[in-house]
PDB file of N, CA and C in Angstrom:
ATOM      1  N   UNK A   1     113.468 117.827  81.766  1.00  0.00           N
ATOM      2  CA  UNK A   1     112.360 117.947  82.690  1.00  0.00           C
ATOM      3  C   UNK A   1     111.804 116.561  83.006  1.00  0.00           C
ATOM      4  N   UNK A   2     111.403 116.417  84.254  1.00  0.00           N
ATOM      5  CA  UNK A   2     110.814 115.162  84.712  1.00  0.00           C
ATOM      6  C   UNK A   2     109.344 115.388  85.045  1.00  0.00           C
ATOM      7  N   UNK A   3     108.551 114.340  84.955  1.00  0.00           N
ATOM      8  CA  UNK A   3     107.132 114.418  85.278  1.00  0.00           C
ATOM      9  C   UNK A   3     106.900 113.919  86.700  1.00  0.00           C
ATOM     10  N   UNK A   4     106.289 114.756  87.516  1.00  0.00           N
ATOM     11  CA  UNK A   4     105.955 114.445  88.910  1.00  0.00           C
ATOM     12  C   UNK A   4     104.442 114.324  89.031  1.00  0.00           C
ATOM     13  N   UNK A   5     103.993 113.570  90.034  1.00  0.00           N
ATOM     14  CA  UNK A   5     102.567 113.297  90.220  1.00  0.00           C
ATOM     15  C   UNK A   5     102.121 113.779  91.595  1.00  0.00           C
ATOM     16  N   UNK A   6     101.078 114.590  91.616  1.00  0.00           N
ATOM     17  CA  UNK A   6     100.542 115.150  92.855  1.00  0.00           C
ATOM     18  C   UNK A   6      99.129 114.607  93.065  1.00  0.00           C
ATOM     19  N   UNK A   7      98.881 114.053  94.243  1.00  0.00           N
ATOM     20  CA  UNK A   7      97.587 113.478  94.575  1.00  0.00           C
ATOM     21  C   UNK A   7      97.150 113.996  95.936  1.00  0.00           C
ATOM     22  N   UNK A   8      95.857 114.336  96.064  1.00  0.00           N
ATOM     23  CA  UNK A   8      95.281 114.814  97.321  1.00  0.00           C
ATOM     24  C   UNK A   8      94.032 114.005  97.613  1.00  0.00           C
ATOM     25  N   UNK A   9      93.858 113.630  98.889  1.00  0.00           N
ATOM     26  CA  UNK A   9      92.699 112.854  99.323  1.00  0.00           C
ATOM     27  C   UNK A   9      91.940 113.595 100.417  1.00  0.00           C
ATOM     28  N   UNK A  10      90.614 113.449 100.417  1.00  0.00           N
ATOM     29  CA  UNK A  10      89.798 114.009 101.491  1.00  0.00           C
ATOM     30  C   UNK A  10      89.949 113.132 102.726  1.00  0.00           C
ATOM     31  N   UNK A  11      89.386 113.604 103.837  1.00  0.00           N
ATOM     32  CA  UNK A  11      89.444 112.809 105.072  1.00  0.00           C
ATOM     33  C   UNK A  11      88.639 111.520 104.954  1.00  0.00           C
ATOM     34  N   UNK A  12      87.725 111.468 103.990  1.00  0.00           N
ATOM     35  CA  UNK A  12      86.930 110.257 103.753  1.00  0.00           C
ATOM     36  C   UNK A  12      87.607 109.323 102.754  1.00  0.00           C
ATOM     37  N   UNK A  13      88.748 109.737 102.215  1.00  0.00           N
ATOM     38  CA  UNK A  13      89.476 108.907 101.272  1.00  0.00           C
ATOM     39  C   UNK A  13      89.162 109.173  99.811  1.00  0.00           C
ATOM     40  N   UNK A  14      88.343 110.185  99.544  1.00  0.00           N
ATOM     41  CA  UNK A  14      88.015 110.526  98.160  1.00  0.00           C
ATOM     42  C   UNK A  14      89.189 111.233  97.500  1.00  0.00           C
ATOM     43  N   UNK A  15      89.408 110.935  96.257  1.00  0.00           N
ATOM     44  CA  UNK A  15      90.488 111.564  95.497  1.00  0.00           C
ATOM     45  C   UNK A  15      90.030 112.958  95.052  1.00  0.00           C
ATOM     46  N   UNK A  16      90.681 113.996  95.582  1.00  0.00           N
ATOM     47  CA  UNK A  16      90.307 115.374  95.255  1.00  0.00           C
ATOM     48  C   UNK A  16      91.148 115.965  94.137  1.00  0.00           C
ATOM     49  N   UNK A  17      92.366 115.494  94.012  1.00  0.00           N
ATOM     50  CA  UNK A  17      93.273 116.031  92.995  1.00  0.00           C
ATOM     51  C   UNK A  17      94.209 114.920  92.549  1.00  0.00           C
ATOM     52  N   UNK A  18      94.365 114.800  91.266  1.00  0.00           N
ATOM     53  CA  UNK A  18      95.285 113.805  90.704  1.00  0.00           C
ATOM     54  C   UNK A  18      95.818 114.408  89.411  1.00  0.00           C
ATOM     55  N   UNK A  19      96.992 115.022  89.491  1.00  0.00           N
ATOM     56  CA  UNK A  19      97.542 115.667  88.298  1.00  0.00           C
ATOM     57  C   UNK A  19      99.050 115.493  88.250  1.00  0.00           C
ATOM     58  N   UNK A  20      99.576 115.698  87.066  1.00  0.00           N
ATOM     59  CA  UNK A  20     101.022 115.642  86.911  1.00  0.00           C
ATOM     60  C   UNK A  20     101.519 116.988  86.416  1.00  0.00           C
ATOM     61  N   UNK A  21     102.803 117.225  86.648  1.00  0.00           N
ATOM     62  CA  UNK A  21     103.434 118.461  86.208  1.00  0.00           C
ATOM     63  C   UNK A  21     104.912 118.179  85.995  1.00  0.00           C
ATOM     64  N   UNK A  22     105.578 119.070  85.299  1.00  0.00           N
ATOM     65  CA  UNK A  22     106.998 118.899  85.016  1.00  0.00           C
ATOM     66  C   UNK A  22     107.841 119.831  85.873  1.00  0.00           C
ATOM     67  N   UNK A  23     108.993 119.322  86.274  1.00  0.00           N
ATOM     68  CA  UNK A  23     109.964 120.098  87.041  1.00  0.00           C
ATOM     69  C   UNK A  23     111.348 119.576  86.704  1.00  0.00           C
ATOM     70  N   UNK A  24     112.354 120.424  86.883  1.00  0.00           N
ATOM     71  CA  UNK A  24     113.717 120.010  86.529  1.00  0.00           C
ATOM     72  C   UNK A  24     114.355 119.102  87.573  1.00  0.00           C
ATOM     73  N   UNK A  25     113.936 119.248  88.863  1.00  0.00           N
ATOM     74  CA  UNK A  25     114.494 118.404  89.916  1.00  0.00           C
ATOM     75  C   UNK A  25     113.509 118.313  91.084  1.00  0.00           C
ATOM     76  N   UNK A  26     113.877 117.543  92.103  1.00  0.00           N
ATOM     77  CA  UNK A  26     112.982 117.315  93.237  1.00  0.00           C
ATOM     78  C   UNK A  26     112.669 118.600  93.994  1.00  0.00           C
ATOM     79  N   UNK A  27     113.631 119.482  94.139  1.00  0.00           N
ATOM     80  CA  UNK A  27     113.386 120.720  94.876  1.00  0.00           C
ATOM     81  C   UNK A  27     112.369 121.601  94.151  1.00  0.00           C
ATOM     82  N   UNK A  28     112.521 121.718  92.854  1.00  0.00           N
ATOM     83  CA  UNK A  28     111.544 122.499  92.082  1.00  0.00           C
ATOM     84  C   UNK A  28     110.166 121.841  92.160  1.00  0.00           C
ATOM     85  N   UNK A  29     110.114 120.518  92.104  1.00  0.00           N
ATOM     86  CA  UNK A  29     108.839 119.798  92.200  1.00  0.00           C
ATOM     87  C   UNK A  29     108.200 120.034  93.566  1.00  0.00           C
ATOM     88  N   UNK A  30     109.000 120.050  94.617  1.00  0.00           N
ATOM     89  CA  UNK A  30     108.483 120.326  95.955  1.00  0.00           C
ATOM     90  C   UNK A  30     107.883 121.725  96.015  1.00  0.00           C
ATOM     91  N   UNK A  31     108.566 122.697  95.432  1.00  0.00           N
ATOM     92  CA  UNK A  31     108.079 124.083  95.411  1.00  0.00           C
ATOM     93  C   UNK A  31     106.786 124.202  94.609  1.00  0.00           C
ATOM     94  N   UNK A  32     106.754 123.597  93.421  1.00  0.00           N
ATOM     95  CA  UNK A  32     105.564 123.649  92.567  1.00  0.00           C
ATOM     96  C   UNK A  32     104.398 122.936  93.244  1.00  0.00           C
ATOM     97  N   UNK A  33     104.656 121.760  93.806  1.00  0.00           N
ATOM     98  CA  UNK A  33     103.605 121.003  94.487  1.00  0.00           C
ATOM     99  C   UNK A  33     103.035 121.756  95.671  1.00  0.00           C
ATOM    100  N   UNK A  34     103.896 122.365  96.459  1.00  0.00           N
ATOM    101  CA  UNK A  34     103.453 123.155  97.609  1.00  0.00           C
ATOM    102  C   UNK A  34     102.593 124.328  97.160  1.00  0.00           C
ATOM    103  N   UNK A  35     102.997 124.979  96.088  1.00  0.00           N
ATOM    104  CA  UNK A  35     102.231 126.112  95.573  1.00  0.00           C
ATOM    105  C   UNK A  35     100.850 125.669  95.099  1.00  0.00           C
ATOM    106  N   UNK A  36     100.782 124.533  94.393  1.00  0.00           N
ATOM    107  CA  UNK A  36      99.496 124.020  93.920  1.00  0.00           C
ATOM    108  C   UNK A  36      98.583 123.677  95.102  1.00  0.00           C
ATOM    109  N   UNK A  37      99.144 123.092  96.147  1.00  0.00           N
ATOM    110  CA  UNK A  37      98.356 122.759  97.332  1.00  0.00           C
ATOM    111  C   UNK A  37      97.813 124.017  98.000  1.00  0.00           C
ATOM    112  N   UNK A  38      98.637 125.038  98.111  1.00  0.00           N
ATOM    113  CA  UNK A  38      98.210 126.289  98.739  1.00  0.00           C
ATOM    114  C   UNK A  38      97.141 126.993  97.908  1.00  0.00           C
ATOM    115  N   UNK A  39      97.286 126.975  96.581  1.00  0.00           N
ATOM    116  CA  UNK A  39      96.313 127.635  95.708  1.00  0.00           C
ATOM    117  C   UNK A  39      94.911 127.057  95.873  1.00  0.00           C
ATOM    118  N   UNK A  40      94.838 125.757  96.137  1.00  0.00           N
ATOM    119  CA  UNK A  40      93.538 125.094  96.248  1.00  0.00           C
ATOM    120  C   UNK A  40      93.154 124.810  97.706  1.00  0.00           C
ATOM    121  N   UNK A  41      93.955 125.326  98.636  1.00  0.00           N
ATOM    122  CA  UNK A  41      93.732 125.152 100.073  1.00  0.00           C
ATOM    123  C   UNK A  41      93.691 123.671 100.474  1.00  0.00           C
ATOM    124  N   UNK A  42      94.598 122.889  99.914  1.00  0.00           N
ATOM    125  CA  UNK A  42      94.691 121.459 100.207  1.00  0.00           C
ATOM    126  C   UNK A  42      95.897 121.114 101.093  1.00  0.00           C
ATOM    127  N   UNK A  43      96.671 122.086 101.543  1.00  0.00           N
ATOM    128  CA  UNK A  43      97.912 121.794 102.248  1.00  0.00           C
ATOM    129  C   UNK A  43      97.708 121.039 103.564  1.00  0.00           C
ATOM    130  N   UNK A  44      96.509 121.103 104.154  1.00  0.00           N
ATOM    131  CA  UNK A  44      96.250 120.401 105.416  1.00  0.00           C
ATOM    132  C   UNK A  44      95.655 119.008 105.209  1.00  0.00           C
ATOM    133  N   UNK A  45      95.343 118.655 103.966  1.00  0.00           N
ATOM    134  CA  UNK A  45      94.771 117.337 103.680  1.00  0.00           C
ATOM    135  C   UNK A  45      95.874 116.341 103.352  1.00  0.00           C
ATOM    136  N   UNK A  46      95.531 115.076 103.349  1.00  0.00           N
ATOM    137  CA  UNK A  46      96.474 114.035 102.982  1.00  0.00           C
ATOM    138  C   UNK A  46      96.881 114.224 101.521  1.00  0.00           C
ATOM    139  N   UNK A  47      98.186 114.293 101.287  1.00  0.00           N
ATOM    140  CA  UNK A  47      98.672 114.484  99.921  1.00  0.00           C
ATOM    141  C   UNK A  47     100.036 113.844  99.752  1.00  0.00           C
ATOM    142  N   UNK A  48     100.395 113.671  98.486  1.00  0.00           N
ATOM    143  CA  UNK A  48     101.725 113.153  98.161  1.00  0.00           C
ATOM    144  C   UNK A  48     102.121 113.661  96.784  1.00  0.00           C
ATOM    145  N   UNK A  49     103.390 113.883  96.648  1.00  0.00           N
ATOM    146  CA  UNK A  49     103.970 114.225  95.354  1.00  0.00           C
ATOM    147  C   UNK A  49     105.092 113.220  95.123  1.00  0.00           C
ATOM    148  N   UNK A  50     105.030 112.545  93.993  1.00  0.00           N
ATOM    149  CA  UNK A  50     105.940 111.442  93.721  1.00  0.00           C
ATOM    150  C   UNK A  50     106.773 111.738  92.474  1.00  0.00           C
ATOM    151  N   UNK A  51     108.060 111.422  92.558  1.00  0.00           N
ATOM    152  CA  UNK A  51     108.966 111.599  91.419  1.00  0.00           C
ATOM    153  C   UNK A  51     108.748 110.479  90.412  1.00  0.00           C
ATOM    154  N   UNK A  52     109.287 110.619  89.211  1.00  0.00           N
ATOM    155  CA  UNK A  52     109.110 109.571  88.192  1.00  0.00           C
ATOM    156  C   UNK A  52     109.658 108.203  88.620  1.00  0.00           C
ATOM    157  N   UNK A  53     110.645 108.206  89.503  1.00  0.00           N
ATOM    158  CA  UNK A  53     111.196 106.915  89.952  1.00  0.00           C
ATOM    159  C   UNK A  53     110.579 106.434  91.265  1.00  0.00           C
ATOM    160  N   UNK A  54     109.477 107.066  91.692  1.00  0.00           N
ATOM    161  CA  UNK A  54     108.708 106.570  92.835  1.00  0.00           C
ATOM    162  C   UNK A  54     109.092 107.136  94.184  1.00  0.00           C
ATOM    163  N   UNK A  55     110.018 108.089  94.251  1.00  0.00           N
ATOM    164  CA  UNK A  55     110.400 108.683  95.532  1.00  0.00           C
ATOM    165  C   UNK A  55     109.388 109.753  95.932  1.00  0.00           C
ATOM    166  N   UNK A  56     109.096 109.816  97.237  1.00  0.00           N
ATOM    167  CA  UNK A  56     108.192 110.847  97.748  1.00  0.00           C
ATOM    168  C   UNK A  56     108.930 112.171  97.841  1.00  0.00           C
ATOM    169  N   UNK A  57     108.376 113.194  97.246  1.00  0.00           N
ATOM    170  CA  UNK A  57     108.933 114.541  97.322  1.00  0.00           C
ATOM    171  C   UNK A  57     108.191 115.337  98.385  1.00  0.00           C
ATOM    172  N   UNK A  58     106.875 115.160  98.447  1.00  0.00           N
ATOM    173  CA  UNK A  58     106.004 115.753  99.475  1.00  0.00           C
ATOM    174  C   UNK A  58     105.106 114.654 100.011  1.00  0.00           C
ATOM    175  N   UNK A  59     104.807 114.731 101.299  1.00  0.00           N
ATOM    176  CA  UNK A  59     103.894 113.753 101.860  1.00  0.00           C
ATOM    177  C   UNK A  59     103.291 114.309 103.151  1.00  0.00           C
ATOM    178  N   UNK A  60     102.005 114.141 103.305  1.00  0.00           N
ATOM    179  CA  UNK A  60     101.318 114.483 104.553  1.00  0.00           C
ATOM    180  C   UNK A  60     100.180 113.493 104.724  1.00  0.00           C
ATOM    181  N   UNK A  61     100.063 112.987 105.953  1.00  0.00           N
ATOM    182  CA  UNK A  61      99.012 112.014 106.235  1.00  0.00           C
ATOM    183  C   UNK A  61      98.082 112.556 107.274  1.00  0.00           C
TER     184      UNK A  61
END
């Protein structure tokens, strides 16, 4: 399992969410990250999910 990092920002630039979670690969991390965003109604805000080696798995600006 790898550790991925999910971050969400408000339109004013405030950090609303900063958490990590484990997933076996990038696709699973994308699915988990998307689900977390939907649960908290953050899918329309600026967000990113980053793999342990720094690659973007999810991104919205």
